[in-house]
Full PDB file with SEQRES, HELIX, SHEET, SSBOND, CRYST1, ORIGX, SCALE, CONECT and MASTER records, all heavy atoms in Angstrom:
SEQRES   1 A   31  ILE ARG ASN ASP GLN ASN LYS ARG VAL PHE VAL ASP ALA          
SEQRES   2 A   31  ASN ILE VAL VAL LEU ARG HIS PHE LYS GLU LEU VAL GLN          
SEQRES   3 A   31  ASN HIS SER MET GLN                                          
HELIX    1 AA1 ASP A   12  LYS A   22  1                                  11    
HELIX    2 AA2 GLU A   23  ASN A   27  3                                   5    
CRYST1    1.000    1.000    1.000  90.00  90.00  90.00 P 1           1          
ORIGX1      1.000000  0.000000  0.000000        0.00000                         
ORIGX2      0.000000  1.000000  0.000000        0.00000                         
ORIGX3      0.000000  0.000000  1.000000        0.00000                         
SCALE1      1.000000  0.000000  0.000000        0.00000                         
SCALE2      0.000000  1.000000  0.000000        0.00000                         
SCALE3      0.000000  0.000000  1.000000        0.00000                         
ATOM      1  N   ILE A   1      -6.344  20.762  -2.516  1.00  0.00           N  
ATOM      2  CA  ILE A   1      -6.197  21.783  -3.557  1.00  0.00           C  
ATOM      3  C   ILE A   1      -5.574  21.113  -4.772  1.00  0.00           C  
ATOM      4  O   ILE A   1      -4.701  20.257  -4.649  1.00  0.00           O  
ATOM      5  CB  ILE A   1      -5.289  22.930  -3.073  1.00  0.00           C  
ATOM      6  CG1 ILE A   1      -5.875  23.594  -1.829  1.00  0.00           C  
ATOM      7  CG2 ILE A   1      -5.072  23.951  -4.181  1.00  0.00           C  
ATOM      8  CD1 ILE A   1      -4.926  24.566  -1.162  1.00  0.00           C  
ATOM      9  N   ARG A   2      -6.044  21.494  -5.939  1.00  0.00           N  
ATOM     10  CA  ARG A   2      -5.476  20.935  -7.184  1.00  0.00           C  
ATOM     11  C   ARG A   2      -4.970  22.092  -8.039  1.00  0.00           C  
ATOM     12  O   ARG A   2      -5.569  23.152  -8.096  1.00  0.00           O  
ATOM     13  CB  ARG A   2      -6.548  20.158  -7.934  1.00  0.00           C  
ATOM     14  CG  ARG A   2      -7.043  18.972  -7.104  1.00  0.00           C  
ATOM     15  CD  ARG A   2      -7.199  17.773  -7.964  1.00  0.00           C  
ATOM     16  NE  ARG A   2      -7.575  16.611  -7.199  1.00  0.00           N  
ATOM     17  CZ  ARG A   2      -6.982  15.445  -7.311  1.00  0.00           C  
ATOM     18  NH1 ARG A   2      -5.967  15.313  -8.137  1.00  0.00           N  
ATOM     19  NH2 ARG A   2      -7.368  14.418  -6.615  1.00  0.00           N  
ATOM     20  N   ASN A   3      -3.877  21.833  -8.744  1.00  0.00           N  
ATOM     21  CA  ASN A   3      -3.323  22.873  -9.622  1.00  0.00           C  
ATOM     22  C   ASN A   3      -3.986  22.795 -11.010  1.00  0.00           C  
ATOM     23  O   ASN A   3      -4.931  22.032 -11.202  1.00  0.00           O  
ATOM     24  CB  ASN A   3      -1.782  22.766  -9.710  1.00  0.00           C  
ATOM     25  CG  ASN A   3      -1.329  21.476 -10.356  1.00  0.00           C  
ATOM     26  OD1 ASN A   3      -2.095  20.756 -10.992  1.00  0.00           O  
ATOM     27  ND2 ASN A   3      -0.041  21.184 -10.178  1.00  0.00           N  
ATOM     28  N   ASP A   4      -3.457  23.568 -11.953  1.00  0.00           N  
ATOM     29  CA  ASP A   4      -4.039  23.614 -13.298  1.00  0.00           C  
ATOM     30  C   ASP A   4      -3.973  22.264 -14.013  1.00  0.00           C  
ATOM     31  O   ASP A   4      -4.781  21.974 -14.882  1.00  0.00           O  
ATOM     32  CB  ASP A   4      -3.307  24.675 -14.154  1.00  0.00           C  
ATOM     33  CG  ASP A   4      -3.524  26.074 -13.606  1.00  0.00           C  
ATOM     34  OD1 ASP A   4      -4.514  26.264 -12.863  1.00  0.00           O  
ATOM     35  OD2 ASP A   4      -2.706  26.959 -13.912  1.00  0.00           O  
ATOM     36  N   GLN A   5      -3.005  21.435 -13.649  1.00  0.00           N  
ATOM     37  CA  GLN A   5      -2.893  20.098 -14.259  1.00  0.00           C  
ATOM     38  C   GLN A   5      -3.678  19.053 -13.453  1.00  0.00           C  
ATOM     39  O   GLN A   5      -3.509  17.857 -13.651  1.00  0.00           O  
ATOM     40  CB  GLN A   5      -1.414  19.646 -14.344  1.00  0.00           C  
ATOM     41  CG  GLN A   5      -0.577  20.407 -15.352  1.00  0.00           C  
ATOM     42  CD  GLN A   5      -0.016  21.702 -14.752  1.00  0.00           C  
ATOM     43  OE1 GLN A   5       0.267  21.789 -13.570  1.00  0.00           O  
ATOM     44  NE2 GLN A   5       0.119  22.722 -15.590  1.00  0.00           N  
ATOM     45  N   ASN A   6      -4.504  19.527 -12.539  1.00  0.00           N  
ATOM     46  CA  ASN A   6      -5.355  18.674 -11.685  1.00  0.00           C  
ATOM     47  C   ASN A   6      -4.528  17.779 -10.761  1.00  0.00           C  
ATOM     48  O   ASN A   6      -4.954  16.703 -10.370  1.00  0.00           O  
ATOM     49  CB  ASN A   6      -6.319  17.827 -12.535  1.00  0.00           C  
ATOM     50  CG  ASN A   6      -7.512  17.371 -11.703  1.00  0.00           C  
ATOM     51  OD1 ASN A   6      -7.904  18.026 -10.735  1.00  0.00           O  
ATOM     52  ND2 ASN A   6      -8.082  16.235 -12.058  1.00  0.00           N  
ATOM     53  N   LYS A   7      -3.325  18.237 -10.408  1.00  0.00           N  
ATOM     54  CA  LYS A   7      -2.493  17.500  -9.462  1.00  0.00           C  
ATOM     55  C   LYS A   7      -2.666  18.106  -8.080  1.00  0.00           C  
ATOM     56  O   LYS A   7      -2.878  19.311  -7.948  1.00  0.00           O  
ATOM     57  CB  LYS A   7      -1.027  17.542  -9.891  1.00  0.00           C  
ATOM     58  CG  LYS A   7      -0.777  16.808 -11.191  1.00  0.00           C  
ATOM     59  CD  LYS A   7       0.692  16.756 -11.524  1.00  0.00           C  
ATOM     60  CE  LYS A   7       0.861  15.977 -12.818  1.00  0.00           C  
ATOM     61  NZ  LYS A   7       2.253  15.754 -13.151  1.00  0.00           N  
ATOM     62  N   ARG A   8      -2.548  17.258  -7.078  1.00  0.00           N  
ATOM     63  CA  ARG A   8      -2.710  17.740  -5.701  1.00  0.00           C  
ATOM     64  C   ARG A   8      -1.563  18.669  -5.316  1.00  0.00           C  
ATOM     65  O   ARG A   8      -0.403  18.394  -5.595  1.00  0.00           O  
ATOM     66  CB  ARG A   8      -2.748  16.560  -4.728  1.00  0.00           C  
ATOM     67  CG  ARG A   8      -3.965  15.701  -4.847  1.00  0.00           C  
ATOM     68  CD  ARG A   8      -3.928  14.566  -3.805  1.00  0.00           C  
ATOM     69  NE  ARG A   8      -4.905  13.553  -4.153  1.00  0.00           N  
ATOM     70  CZ  ARG A   8      -4.655  12.466  -4.860  1.00  0.00           C  
ATOM     71  NH1 ARG A   8      -3.424  12.232  -5.297  1.00  0.00           N  
ATOM     72  NH2 ARG A   8      -5.597  11.605  -5.149  1.00  0.00           N  
ATOM     73  N   VAL A   9      -1.939  19.738  -4.632  1.00  0.00           N  
ATOM     74  CA  VAL A   9      -0.972  20.655  -4.041  1.00  0.00           C  
ATOM     75  C   VAL A   9      -1.310  20.682  -2.551  1.00  0.00           C  
ATOM     76  O   VAL A   9      -2.470  20.815  -2.171  1.00  0.00           O  
ATOM     77  CB  VAL A   9      -1.096  22.070  -4.651  1.00  0.00           C  
ATOM     78  CG1 VAL A   9      -0.129  23.026  -3.986  1.00  0.00           C  
ATOM     79  CG2 VAL A   9      -0.879  22.035  -6.154  1.00  0.00           C  
ATOM     80  N   PHE A  10      -0.299  20.578  -1.711  1.00  0.00           N  
ATOM     81  CA  PHE A  10      -0.532  20.447  -0.280  1.00  0.00           C  
ATOM     82  C   PHE A  10      -0.162  21.726   0.458  1.00  0.00           C  
ATOM     83  O   PHE A  10       0.774  22.430   0.075  1.00  0.00           O  
ATOM     84  CB  PHE A  10       0.287  19.275   0.267  1.00  0.00           C  
ATOM     85  CG  PHE A  10      -0.084  17.958  -0.368  1.00  0.00           C  
ATOM     86  CD1 PHE A  10       0.560  17.522  -1.517  1.00  0.00           C  
ATOM     87  CD2 PHE A  10      -1.083  17.163   0.160  1.00  0.00           C  
ATOM     88  CE1 PHE A  10       0.236  16.319  -2.114  1.00  0.00           C  
ATOM     89  CE2 PHE A  10      -1.427  15.956  -0.424  1.00  0.00           C  
ATOM     90  CZ  PHE A  10      -0.769  15.528  -1.569  1.00  0.00           C  
ATOM     91  N   VAL A  11      -0.931  21.990   1.517  1.00  0.00           N  
ATOM     92  CA  VAL A  11      -0.649  23.139   2.388  1.00  0.00           C  
ATOM     93  C   VAL A  11      -0.439  22.604   3.804  1.00  0.00           C  
ATOM     94  O   VAL A  11      -0.596  21.405   4.064  1.00  0.00           O  
ATOM     95  CB  VAL A  11      -1.800  24.175   2.340  1.00  0.00           C  
ATOM     96  CG1 VAL A  11      -1.879  24.831   0.969  1.00  0.00           C  
ATOM     97  CG2 VAL A  11      -3.119  23.556   2.731  1.00  0.00           C  
ATOM     98  N   ASP A  12      -0.080  23.501   4.725  1.00  0.00           N  
ATOM     99  CA  ASP A  12       0.230  23.082   6.096  1.00  0.00           C  
ATOM    100  C   ASP A  12      -0.914  22.295   6.740  1.00  0.00           C  
ATOM    101  O   ASP A  12      -0.673  21.320   7.455  1.00  0.00           O  
ATOM    102  CB  ASP A  12       0.562  24.311   6.953  1.00  0.00           C  
ATOM    103  CG  ASP A  12       1.901  24.937   6.572  1.00  0.00           C  
ATOM    104  OD1 ASP A  12       2.781  24.192   6.099  1.00  0.00           O  
ATOM    105  OD2 ASP A  12       2.063  26.164   6.732  1.00  0.00           O  
ATOM    106  N   ALA A  13      -2.150  22.701   6.487  1.00  0.00           N  
ATOM    107  CA  ALA A  13      -3.291  21.995   7.077  1.00  0.00           C  
ATOM    108  C   ALA A  13      -3.352  20.552   6.585  1.00  0.00           C  
ATOM    109  O   ALA A  13      -3.697  19.634   7.344  1.00  0.00           O  
ATOM    110  CB  ALA A  13      -4.595  22.716   6.747  1.00  0.00           C  
ATOM    111  N   ASN A  14      -2.991  20.327   5.329  1.00  0.00           N  
ATOM    112  CA  ASN A  14      -2.964  18.965   4.791  1.00  0.00           C  
ATOM    113  C   ASN A  14      -1.905  18.122   5.494  1.00  0.00           C  
ATOM    114  O   ASN A  14      -2.105  16.926   5.729  1.00  0.00           O  
ATOM    115  CB  ASN A  14      -2.696  18.957   3.291  1.00  0.00           C  
ATOM    116  CG  ASN A  14      -3.747  19.708   2.493  1.00  0.00           C  
ATOM    117  OD1 ASN A  14      -3.401  20.478   1.595  1.00  0.00           O  
ATOM    118  ND2 ASN A  14      -5.018  19.502   2.787  1.00  0.00           N  
ATOM    119  N   ILE A  15      -0.779  18.752   5.836  1.00  0.00           N  
ATOM    120  CA  ILE A  15       0.287  18.028   6.544  1.00  0.00           C  
ATOM    121  C   ILE A  15      -0.222  17.569   7.907  1.00  0.00           C  
ATOM    122  O   ILE A  15       0.000  16.429   8.320  1.00  0.00           O  
ATOM    123  CB  ILE A  15       1.555  18.894   6.682  1.00  0.00           C  
ATOM    124  CG1 ILE A  15       2.132  19.193   5.293  1.00  0.00           C  
ATOM    125  CG2 ILE A  15       2.590  18.204   7.566  1.00  0.00           C  
ATOM    126  CD1 ILE A  15       3.268  20.194   5.297  1.00  0.00           C  
ATOM    127  N   VAL A  16      -0.944  18.444   8.591  1.00  0.00           N  
ATOM    128  CA  VAL A  16      -1.508  18.090   9.899  1.00  0.00           C  
ATOM    129  C   VAL A  16      -2.462  16.903   9.745  1.00  0.00           C  
ATOM    130  O   VAL A  16      -2.401  15.922  10.500  1.00  0.00           O  
ATOM    131  CB  VAL A  16      -2.241  19.303  10.519  1.00  0.00           C  
ATOM    132  CG1 VAL A  16      -3.017  18.898  11.757  1.00  0.00           C  
ATOM    133  CG2 VAL A  16      -1.249  20.404  10.844  1.00  0.00           C  
ATOM    134  N   VAL A  17      -3.332  16.984   8.755  1.00  0.00           N  
ATOM    135  CA  VAL A  17      -4.302  15.910   8.509  1.00  0.00           C  
ATOM    136  C   VAL A  17      -3.579  14.609   8.183  1.00  0.00           C  
ATOM    137  O   VAL A  17      -3.898  13.548   8.725  1.00  0.00           O  
ATOM    138  CB  VAL A  17      -5.266  16.312   7.359  1.00  0.00           C  
ATOM    139  CG1 VAL A  17      -6.051  15.122   6.861  1.00  0.00           C  
ATOM    140  CG2 VAL A  17      -6.199  17.429   7.825  1.00  0.00           C  
ATOM    141  N   LEU A  18      -2.585  14.672   7.314  1.00  0.00           N  
ATOM    142  CA  LEU A  18      -1.869  13.465   6.904  1.00  0.00           C  
ATOM    143  C   LEU A  18      -1.025  12.880   8.041  1.00  0.00           C  
ATOM    144  O   LEU A  18      -0.885  11.662   8.148  1.00  0.00           O  
ATOM    145  CB  LEU A  18      -1.014  13.750   5.664  1.00  0.00           C  
ATOM    146  CG  LEU A  18      -1.831  13.951   4.378  1.00  0.00           C  
ATOM    147  CD1 LEU A  18      -0.978  14.572   3.281  1.00  0.00           C  
ATOM    148  CD2 LEU A  18      -2.440  12.634   3.917  1.00  0.00           C  
ATOM    149  N   ARG A  19      -0.475  13.737   8.896  1.00  0.00           N  
ATOM    150  CA  ARG A  19       0.268  13.220  10.058  1.00  0.00           C  
ATOM    151  C   ARG A  19      -0.673  12.463  10.992  1.00  0.00           C  
ATOM    152  O   ARG A  19      -0.332  11.411  11.523  1.00  0.00           O  
ATOM    153  CB  ARG A  19       0.946  14.370  10.803  1.00  0.00           C  
ATOM    154  CG  ARG A  19       2.255  14.761  10.205  1.00  0.00           C  
ATOM    155  CD  ARG A  19       3.072  15.649  11.120  1.00  0.00           C  
ATOM    156  NE  ARG A  19       4.351  15.924  10.496  1.00  0.00           N  
ATOM    157  CZ  ARG A  19       4.903  17.115  10.415  1.00  0.00           C  
ATOM    158  NH1 ARG A  19       4.293  18.169  10.924  1.00  0.00           N  
ATOM    159  NH2 ARG A  19       6.065  17.267   9.831  1.00  0.00           N  
ATOM    160  N   HIS A  20      -1.828  13.034  11.195  1.00  0.00           N  
ATOM    161  CA  HIS A  20      -2.835  12.376  12.041  1.00  0.00           C  
ATOM    162  C   HIS A  20      -3.252  11.046  11.404  1.00  0.00           C  
ATOM    163  O   HIS A  20      -3.380  10.028  12.087  1.00  0.00           O  
ATOM    164  CB  HIS A  20      -4.040  13.313  12.224  1.00  0.00           C  
ATOM    165  CG  HIS A  20      -4.955  12.899  13.313  1.00  0.00           C  
ATOM    166  ND1 HIS A  20      -4.618  12.958  14.634  1.00  0.00           N  
ATOM    167  CD2 HIS A  20      -6.204  12.396  13.263  1.00  0.00           C  
ATOM    168  CE1 HIS A  20      -5.614  12.518  15.365  1.00  0.00           C  
ATOM    169  NE2 HIS A  20      -6.609  12.169  14.554  1.00  0.00           N  
ATOM    170  N   PHE A  21      -3.460  11.074  10.105  1.00  0.00           N  
ATOM    171  CA  PHE A  21      -3.825   9.864   9.354  1.00  0.00           C  
ATOM    172  C   PHE A  21      -2.732   8.795   9.513  1.00  0.00           C  
ATOM    173  O   PHE A  21      -3.007   7.620   9.759  1.00  0.00           O  
ATOM    174  CB  PHE A  21      -4.025  10.230   7.882  1.00  0.00           C  
ATOM    175  CG  PHE A  21      -4.642   9.149   7.050  1.00  0.00           C  
ATOM    176  CD1 PHE A  21      -6.012   9.032   6.934  1.00  0.00           C  
ATOM    177  CD2 PHE A  21      -3.841   8.236   6.374  1.00  0.00           C  
ATOM    178  CE1 PHE A  21      -6.590   8.039   6.162  1.00  0.00           C  
ATOM    179  CE2 PHE A  21      -4.404   7.236   5.598  1.00  0.00           C  
ATOM    180  CZ  PHE A  21      -5.788   7.139   5.494  1.00  0.00           C  
ATOM    181  N   LYS A  22      -1.471   9.227   9.391  1.00  0.00           N  
ATOM    182  CA  LYS A  22      -0.340   8.309   9.536  1.00  0.00           C  
ATOM    183  C   LYS A  22      -0.334   7.686  10.923  1.00  0.00           C  
ATOM    184  O   LYS A  22      -0.108   6.480  11.073  1.00  0.00           O  
ATOM    185  CB  LYS A  22       0.976   9.067   9.283  1.00  0.00           C  
ATOM    186  CG  LYS A  22       2.211   8.206   9.465  1.00  0.00           C  
ATOM    187  CD  LYS A  22       3.489   9.001   9.227  1.00  0.00           C  
ATOM    188  CE  LYS A  22       4.713   8.109   9.430  1.00  0.00           C  
ATOM    189  NZ  LYS A  22       5.961   8.807   9.187  1.00  0.00           N  
ATOM    190  N   GLU A  23      -0.577   8.493  11.931  1.00  0.00           N  
ATOM    191  CA  GLU A  23      -0.616   7.996  13.310  1.00  0.00           C  
ATOM    192  C   GLU A  23      -1.651   6.875  13.454  1.00  0.00           C  
ATOM    193  O   GLU A  23      -1.371   5.829  14.032  1.00  0.00           O  
ATOM    194  CB  GLU A  23      -0.956   9.163  14.259  1.00  0.00           C  
ATOM    195  CG  GLU A  23      -1.259   8.756  15.677  1.00  0.00           C  
ATOM    196  CD  GLU A  23      -0.022   8.397  16.484  1.00  0.00           C  
ATOM    197  OE1 GLU A  23       1.100   8.747  16.075  1.00  0.00           O  
ATOM    198  OE2 GLU A  23      -0.188   7.748  17.516  1.00  0.00           O  
ATOM    199  N   LEU A  24      -2.832   7.102  12.917  1.00  0.00           N  
ATOM    200  CA  LEU A  24      -3.897   6.108  13.027  1.00  0.00           C  
ATOM    201  C   LEU A  24      -3.572   4.834  12.255  1.00  0.00           C  
ATOM    202  O   LEU A  24      -3.780   3.725  12.748  1.00  0.00           O  
ATOM    203  CB  LEU A  24      -5.224   6.687  12.528  1.00  0.00           C  
ATOM    204  CG  LEU A  24      -5.805   7.835  13.348  1.00  0.00           C  
ATOM    205  CD1 LEU A  24      -7.027   8.413  12.649  1.00  0.00           C  
ATOM    206  CD2 LEU A  24      -6.145   7.374  14.746  1.00  0.00           C  
ATOM    207  N   VAL A  25      -3.042   4.979  11.059  1.00  0.00           N  
ATOM    208  CA  VAL A  25      -2.800   3.817  10.194  1.00  0.00           C  
ATOM    209  C   VAL A  25      -1.577   3.030  10.663  1.00  0.00           C  
ATOM    210  O   VAL A  25      -1.631   1.805  10.795  1.00  0.00           O  
ATOM    211  CB  VAL A  25      -2.636   4.261   8.720  1.00  0.00           C  
ATOM    212  CG1 VAL A  25      -2.164   3.118   7.852  1.00  0.00           C  
ATOM    213  CG2 VAL A  25      -3.948   4.817   8.199  1.00  0.00           C  
ATOM    214  N   GLN A  26      -0.484   3.723  10.922  1.00  0.00           N  
ATOM    215  CA  GLN A  26       0.759   3.005  11.222  1.00  0.00           C  
ATOM    216  C   GLN A  26       0.903   2.635  12.692  1.00  0.00           C  
ATOM    217  O   GLN A  26       1.367   1.558  13.011  1.00  0.00           O  
ATOM    218  CB  GLN A  26       1.963   3.825  10.758  1.00  0.00           C  
ATOM    219  CG  GLN A  26       2.052   3.914   9.239  1.00  0.00           C  
ATOM    220  CD  GLN A  26       3.297   4.653   8.764  1.00  0.00           C  
ATOM    221  OE1 GLN A  26       3.961   5.338   9.514  1.00  0.00           O  
ATOM    222  NE2 GLN A  26       3.597   4.523   7.479  1.00  0.00           N  
ATOM    223  N   ASN A  27       0.520   3.529  13.592  1.00  0.00           N  
ATOM    224  CA  ASN A  27       0.725   3.251  15.014  1.00  0.00           C  
ATOM    225  C   ASN A  27      -0.459   2.563  15.678  1.00  0.00           C  
ATOM    226  O   ASN A  27      -0.311   1.971  16.738  1.00  0.00           O  
ATOM    227  CB  ASN A  27       1.059   4.537  15.766  1.00  0.00           C  
ATOM    228  CG  ASN A  27       2.376   5.136  15.292  1.00  0.00           C  
ATOM    229  OD1 ASN A  27       3.190   4.457  14.693  1.00  0.00           O  
ATOM    230  ND2 ASN A  27       2.571   6.410  15.555  1.00  0.00           N  
ATOM    231  N   HIS A  28      -1.636   2.666  15.079  1.00  0.00           N  
ATOM    232  CA  HIS A  28      -2.822   2.038  15.668  1.00  0.00           C  
ATOM    233  C   HIS A  28      -3.411   0.971  14.755  1.00  0.00           C  
ATOM    234  O   HIS A  28      -4.506   0.475  15.007  1.00  0.00           O  
ATOM    235  CB  HIS A  28      -3.879   3.103  16.012  1.00  0.00           C  
ATOM    236  CG  HIS A  28      -3.403   4.081  17.045  1.00  0.00           C  
ATOM    237  ND1 HIS A  28      -3.247   3.747  18.362  1.00  0.00           N  
ATOM    238  CD2 HIS A  28      -3.013   5.373  16.940  1.00  0.00           C  
ATOM    239  CE1 HIS A  28      -2.794   4.804  19.034  1.00  0.00           C  
ATOM    240  NE2 HIS A  28      -2.646   5.799  18.200  1.00  0.00           N  
ATOM    241  N   SER A  29      -2.718   0.677  13.671  1.00  0.00           N  
ATOM    242  CA  SER A  29      -3.111  -0.390  12.726  1.00  0.00           C  
ATOM    243  C   SER A  29      -4.566  -0.277  12.274  1.00  0.00           C  
ATOM    244  O   SER A  29      -5.277  -1.264  12.183  1.00  0.00           O  
ATOM    245  CB  SER A  29      -2.887  -1.764  13.364  1.00  0.00           C  
ATOM    246  OG  SER A  29      -1.555  -1.918  13.738  1.00  0.00           O  
ATOM    247  N   MET A  30      -4.987   0.924  11.996  1.00  0.00           N  
ATOM    248  CA  MET A  30      -6.368   1.149  11.567  1.00  0.00           C  
ATOM    249  C   MET A  30      -6.460   1.028  10.049  1.00  0.00           C  
ATOM    250  O   MET A  30      -5.532   1.381   9.332  1.00  0.00           O  
ATOM    251  CB  MET A  30      -6.820   2.538  12.019  1.00  0.00           C  
ATOM    252  CG  MET A  30      -8.306   2.772  11.866  1.00  0.00           C  
ATOM    253  SD  MET A  30      -8.814   4.368  12.532  1.00  0.00           S  
ATOM    254  CE  MET A  30      -8.702   4.031  14.263  1.00  0.00           C  
ATOM    255  N   GLN A  31      -7.588   0.525   9.579  1.00  0.00           N  
ATOM    256  CA  GLN A  31      -7.816   0.438   8.145  1.00  0.00           C  
ATOM    257  C   GLN A  31      -7.951   1.846   7.567  1.00  0.00           C  
ATOM    258  O   GLN A  31      -8.395   2.774   8.242  1.00  0.00           O  
ATOM    259  CB  GLN A  31      -9.075  -0.367   7.843  1.00  0.00           C  
ATOM    260  CG  GLN A  31      -8.948  -1.825   8.224  1.00  0.00           C  
ATOM    261  CD  GLN A  31     -10.227  -2.593   7.949  1.00  0.00           C  
ATOM    262  OE1 GLN A  31     -11.248  -2.003   7.608  1.00  0.00           O  
ATOM    263  NE2 GLN A  31     -10.166  -3.893   8.111  1.00  0.00           N  
TER     264      GLN A  31                                                      
MASTER        0    0    0    2    0    0    0    6  263    1    0    3          
END                                                                             
């Protein structure tokens, strides 16, 4: 989601996605 200034705004679903992303990148050394 982007606000009027075209900046990202995050919601709970984004946190879930980013946590999963973090798990893959940091704990599984994935590109």
